Amino acid sequence: MLDDNNIEIVSWKEVWRYDSFRNKIITGCIALLAILITLPFFFEHIEKRRGAVLNDIFLSDLPSLDFSIPIFILIWAGAAIIFYKCIKNPYVCIIFLWSYILLCLTRIMTISFISLNPPEDIIVLKDPITNVFYGGKFITKDLFYSGHVATQFLVFLCLQKKVLKIINLIFAILLAIMILFQHVHYTIDVLAAPLFAYGCYWIAKFTIVHV
């Protein structure tokens, strides 16, 4: 139905005629909504747990600096770009939708199994929009792996135009650096994020969506 050779010319009107595409979009939206509704309860639970504090040699050499505002700007600039492309391009939408669902599910699993306390000199990341999904609270124990870095890297993977891909790759790198300086995550959380993002993207594109 869709492939990398015709992604720029296929419209929503055209693809919506296909039952398989329509069903995957509807199912994906329902699944994502269910996840977003569940997340505040999940994060409230993990915040009450006791976890390990890692001896992060690299992080200990970095000063603790507050980059909340530039992190907020990068995150929502990337979100605006992918939202716009999803509206314009059904191929990008269905791939990102299912990749992001897998990203959320794998984070729930890894955070559940790997119980960590945040770095001792953490500066809490203040993001008034994202905090809605945290139940309006500042969550510090959603550590392995970094959802911010993974999501930004996922945006990079899902975009098609070279210029936008480069911009969002730069966003992802800057985001990773600033998150480390703010000591919101351990180094392993940040390094693992692109790997999980790529795995979710690959599974969504070639097995679940298969467009």
Protein backbone atom coordinates (compact mmCIF):
# COMPACT_ATOMS: atom_id res chain seq x y z
CA MET A 1 0.00 0.00 0.00
CA LEU A 2 2.69 2.48 1.09
CA ASP A 3 6.41 2.33 0.61
CA ASP A 4 9.44 4.56 0.71
CA ASN A 5 9.04 5.42 -2.98
CA ASN A 6 5.62 7.03 -2.73
CA ILE A 7 5.48 8.40 0.81
CA GLU A 8 5.30 12.02 -0.32
CA ILE A 9 2.38 11.60 -2.73
CA VAL A 10 -0.03 9.36 -0.84
CA SER A 11 -2.77 11.31 0.93
CA TRP A 12 -4.91 10.49 3.97
CA LYS A 13 -7.95 10.30 1.71
CA GLU A 14 -6.28 7.63 -0.41
CA VAL A 15 -4.98 5.42 2.38
CA TRP A 16 -8.12 5.67 4.53
CA ARG A 17 -9.90 3.47 1.98
CA TYR A 18 -7.73 0.54 3.02
CA ASP A 19 -9.20 -1.44 5.92
CA SER A 20 -5.83 -2.58 7.17
CA PHE A 21 -4.42 0.97 7.38
CA ARG A 22 -7.59 2.36 8.94
CA ASN A 23 -7.77 -0.43 11.53
CA LYS A 24 -4.12 0.01 12.53
CA ILE A 25 -4.56 3.76 13.00
CA ILE A 26 -7.73 3.35 15.07
CA THR A 27 -6.29 0.49 17.14
CA GLY A 28 -3.07 2.43 17.68
CA CYS A 29 -4.91 5.55 18.85
CA ILE A 30 -6.96 3.51 21.32
CA ALA A 31 -3.84 1.74 22.60
CA LEU A 32 -1.93 5.01 23.01
CA LEU A 33 -4.84 6.64 24.83
CA ALA A 34 -5.01 3.68 27.22
CA ILE A 35 -1.26 3.98 27.90
CA LEU A 36 -1.46 7.73 28.53
CA ILE A 37 -4.33 7.25 30.97
CA THR A 38 -2.36 4.54 32.81
CA LEU A 39 0.99 6.35 33.00
CA PRO A 40 0.21 8.71 35.93
CA PHE A 41 -0.72 5.71 38.11
CA PHE A 42 2.39 3.82 37.00
CA PHE A 43 4.70 6.75 37.74
CA GLU A 44 3.06 7.31 41.13
CA HIS A 45 3.81 3.67 41.94
CA ILE A 46 7.46 3.71 40.89
CA GLU A 47 8.12 6.95 42.75
CA LYS A 48 7.35 5.15 46.02
CA ARG A 49 9.91 2.39 45.40
CA ARG A 50 13.40 2.17 46.81
CA GLY A 51 16.06 1.72 44.17
CA ALA A 52 19.79 1.49 43.69
CA VAL A 53 22.04 4.50 43.20
CA LEU A 54 24.54 3.83 40.44
CA ASN A 55 28.20 4.78 40.68
CA ASP A 56 28.29 6.77 37.44
CA ILE A 57 31.92 7.88 37.00
CA PHE A 58 31.18 9.98 33.90
CA LEU A 59 28.22 11.77 35.50
CA SER A 60 30.17 12.53 38.67
CA ASP A 61 32.62 14.61 36.61
CA LEU A 62 29.86 16.80 35.18
CA PRO A 63 28.65 19.90 37.02
CA SER A 64 24.96 19.95 37.87
CA LEU A 65 23.27 22.61 35.71
CA ASP A 66 19.62 23.47 35.15
CA PHE A 67 18.69 23.21 31.46
CA SER A 68 14.95 22.82 32.01
CA ILE A 69 13.94 25.63 29.66
CA PRO A 70 16.10 24.66 26.64
CA ILE A 71 15.19 20.99 27.18
CA PHE A 72 11.52 21.97 27.21
CA ILE A 73 11.98 23.97 23.99
CA LEU A 74 13.78 21.12 22.17
CA ILE A 75 11.28 18.47 23.26
CA TRP A 76 8.23 20.40 22.12
CA ALA A 77 9.88 21.70 18.95
CA GLY A 78 10.49 18.06 17.98
CA ALA A 79 6.92 17.20 18.98
CA ALA A 80 5.55 20.01 16.82
CA ILE A 81 7.59 18.85 13.82
CA ILE A 82 6.47 15.23 14.04
CA PHE A 83 2.85 16.26 14.70
CA TYR A 84 2.86 18.42 11.57
CA LYS A 85 4.41 15.65 9.48
CA CYS A 86 1.88 13.13 10.82
CA ILE A 87 -0.95 15.38 9.65
CA LYS A 88 0.63 15.77 6.22
CA ASN A 89 1.89 12.24 5.74
CA PRO A 90 -0.04 9.08 6.75
CA TYR A 91 3.09 6.94 6.33
CA VAL A 92 4.98 8.96 8.95
CA CYS A 93 1.92 8.94 11.23
CA ILE A 94 1.36 5.20 11.33
CA ILE A 95 5.06 4.42 11.80
CA PHE A 96 5.52 6.98 14.56
CA LEU A 97 2.27 6.01 16.29
CA TRP A 98 3.15 2.34 16.63
CA SER A 99 6.83 3.01 17.33
CA TYR A 100 5.85 5.33 20.16
CA ILE A 101 3.41 2.78 21.58
CA LEU A 102 6.22 0.22 21.68
CA LEU A 103 8.52 2.84 23.21
CA CYS A 104 6.05 3.47 26.04
CA LEU A 105 5.52 -0.25 26.66
CA THR A 106 9.25 -1.04 26.72
CA ARG A 107 9.89 1.85 29.12
CA ILE A 108 7.17 0.57 31.43
CA MET A 109 8.84 -2.86 31.37
CA THR A 110 12.42 -1.66 31.86
CA ILE A 111 11.48 0.80 34.61
CA SER A 112 9.45 -1.93 36.34
CA PHE A 113 12.31 -4.43 36.29
CA ILE A 114 15.20 -2.02 36.95
CA SER A 115 14.53 -0.08 40.14
CA LEU A 116 16.80 2.94 40.46
CA ASN A 117 17.00 6.03 42.59
CA PRO A 118 18.00 9.21 40.74
CA PRO A 119 21.54 10.64 40.88
CA GLU A 120 22.12 12.38 44.18
CA ASP A 121 22.75 15.81 42.60
CA ILE A 122 19.75 15.72 40.27
CA ILE A 123 18.07 18.99 39.29
CA VAL A 124 14.42 18.12 38.72
CA LEU A 125 13.36 18.66 35.12
CA LYS A 126 10.46 21.13 35.08
CA ASP A 127 8.24 20.59 32.05
CA PRO A 128 4.66 21.81 32.68
CA ILE A 129 3.25 19.94 29.68
CA THR A 130 4.94 16.57 30.16
CA ASN A 131 4.16 16.68 33.88
CA VAL A 132 0.48 16.26 33.00
CA PHE A 133 1.28 12.65 32.08
CA TYR A 134 3.14 12.26 35.36
CA GLY A 135 -0.02 13.09 37.30
CA GLY A 136 1.06 16.71 37.81
CA LYS A 137 4.05 15.66 39.92
CA PHE A 138 7.80 15.73 39.38
CA ILE A 139 8.86 12.14 38.81
CA THR A 140 12.52 11.26 39.31
CA LYS A 141 12.62 7.44 39.22
CA ASP A 142 11.57 6.79 35.60
CA LEU A 143 15.21 6.24 34.80
CA PHE A 144 16.11 3.31 32.58
CA TYR A 145 15.84 4.31 29.85
CA SER A 146 15.48 8.04 29.01
CA GLY A 147 12.09 8.67 27.45
CA HIS A 148 13.00 12.18 26.33
CA VAL A 149 16.09 11.11 24.39
CA ALA A 150 14.39 8.02 22.99
CA THR A 151 11.37 9.98 21.75
CA GLN A 152 13.52 12.65 20.11
CA PHE A 153 15.62 9.97 18.41
CA LEU A 154 12.41 8.27 17.28
CA VAL A 155 11.29 11.53 15.67
CA PHE A 156 14.61 11.58 13.79
CA LEU A 157 14.06 8.01 12.58
CA CYS A 158 10.48 8.57 11.41
CA LEU A 159 11.04 11.77 9.46
CA GLN A 160 11.77 11.44 5.74
CA LYS A 161 13.25 14.76 4.59
CA LYS A 162 17.00 14.96 5.07
CA VAL A 163 17.05 18.50 6.49
CA LEU A 164 14.43 17.69 9.13
CA LYS A 165 16.21 14.45 10.02
CA ILE A 166 19.49 16.30 10.57
CA ILE A 167 17.78 18.99 12.67
CA ASN A 168 16.11 16.42 14.90
CA LEU A 169 19.27 14.35 15.23
CA ILE A 170 20.99 17.51 16.49
CA PHE A 171 18.04 18.05 18.83
CA ALA A 172 18.46 14.51 20.18
CA ILE A 173 22.21 14.94 20.76
CA LEU A 174 21.78 18.32 22.49
CA LEU A 175 18.94 16.91 24.58
CA ALA A 176 21.10 13.98 25.71
CA ILE A 177 23.95 16.31 26.69
CA MET A 178 21.73 18.69 28.65
CA ILE A 179 19.91 15.86 30.44
CA LEU A 180 23.27 14.52 31.60
CA PHE A 181 24.39 17.94 32.81
CA GLN A 182 21.13 18.28 34.72
CA HIS A 183 21.76 14.82 36.22
CA VAL A 184 18.18 13.77 35.45
CA HIS A 185 19.42 10.40 34.17
CA TYR A 186 22.44 8.17 34.49
CA THR A 187 24.74 7.84 31.49
CA ILE A 188 23.49 4.32 30.75
CA ASP A 189 19.89 5.62 30.59
CA VAL A 190 20.85 8.10 27.88
CA LEU A 191 23.09 5.73 25.90
CA ALA A 192 20.46 2.99 25.86
CA ALA A 193 17.66 5.30 24.68
CA PRO A 194 18.57 5.44 20.95
CA LEU A 195 19.01 1.65 20.87
CA PHE A 196 15.54 1.06 22.28
CA ALA A 197 14.10 3.73 19.98
CA TYR A 198 15.62 2.06 16.93
CA GLY A 199 14.38 -1.36 18.05
CA CYS A 200 10.82 -0.04 18.51
CA TYR A 201 10.98 1.71 15.13
CA TRP A 202 12.20 -1.42 13.38
CA ILE A 203 9.56 -3.67 14.94
CA ALA A 204 6.78 -1.19 14.20
CA LYS A 205 7.83 -0.62 10.60
CA PHE A 206 8.64 -4.15 9.51
CA THR A 207 6.35 -6.34 11.61
CA ILE A 208 3.35 -4.50 13.09
CA VAL A 209 2.64 -1.83 10.50
CA HIS A 210 4.31 -3.47 7.52
CA VAL A 211 3.29 -0.80 5.05
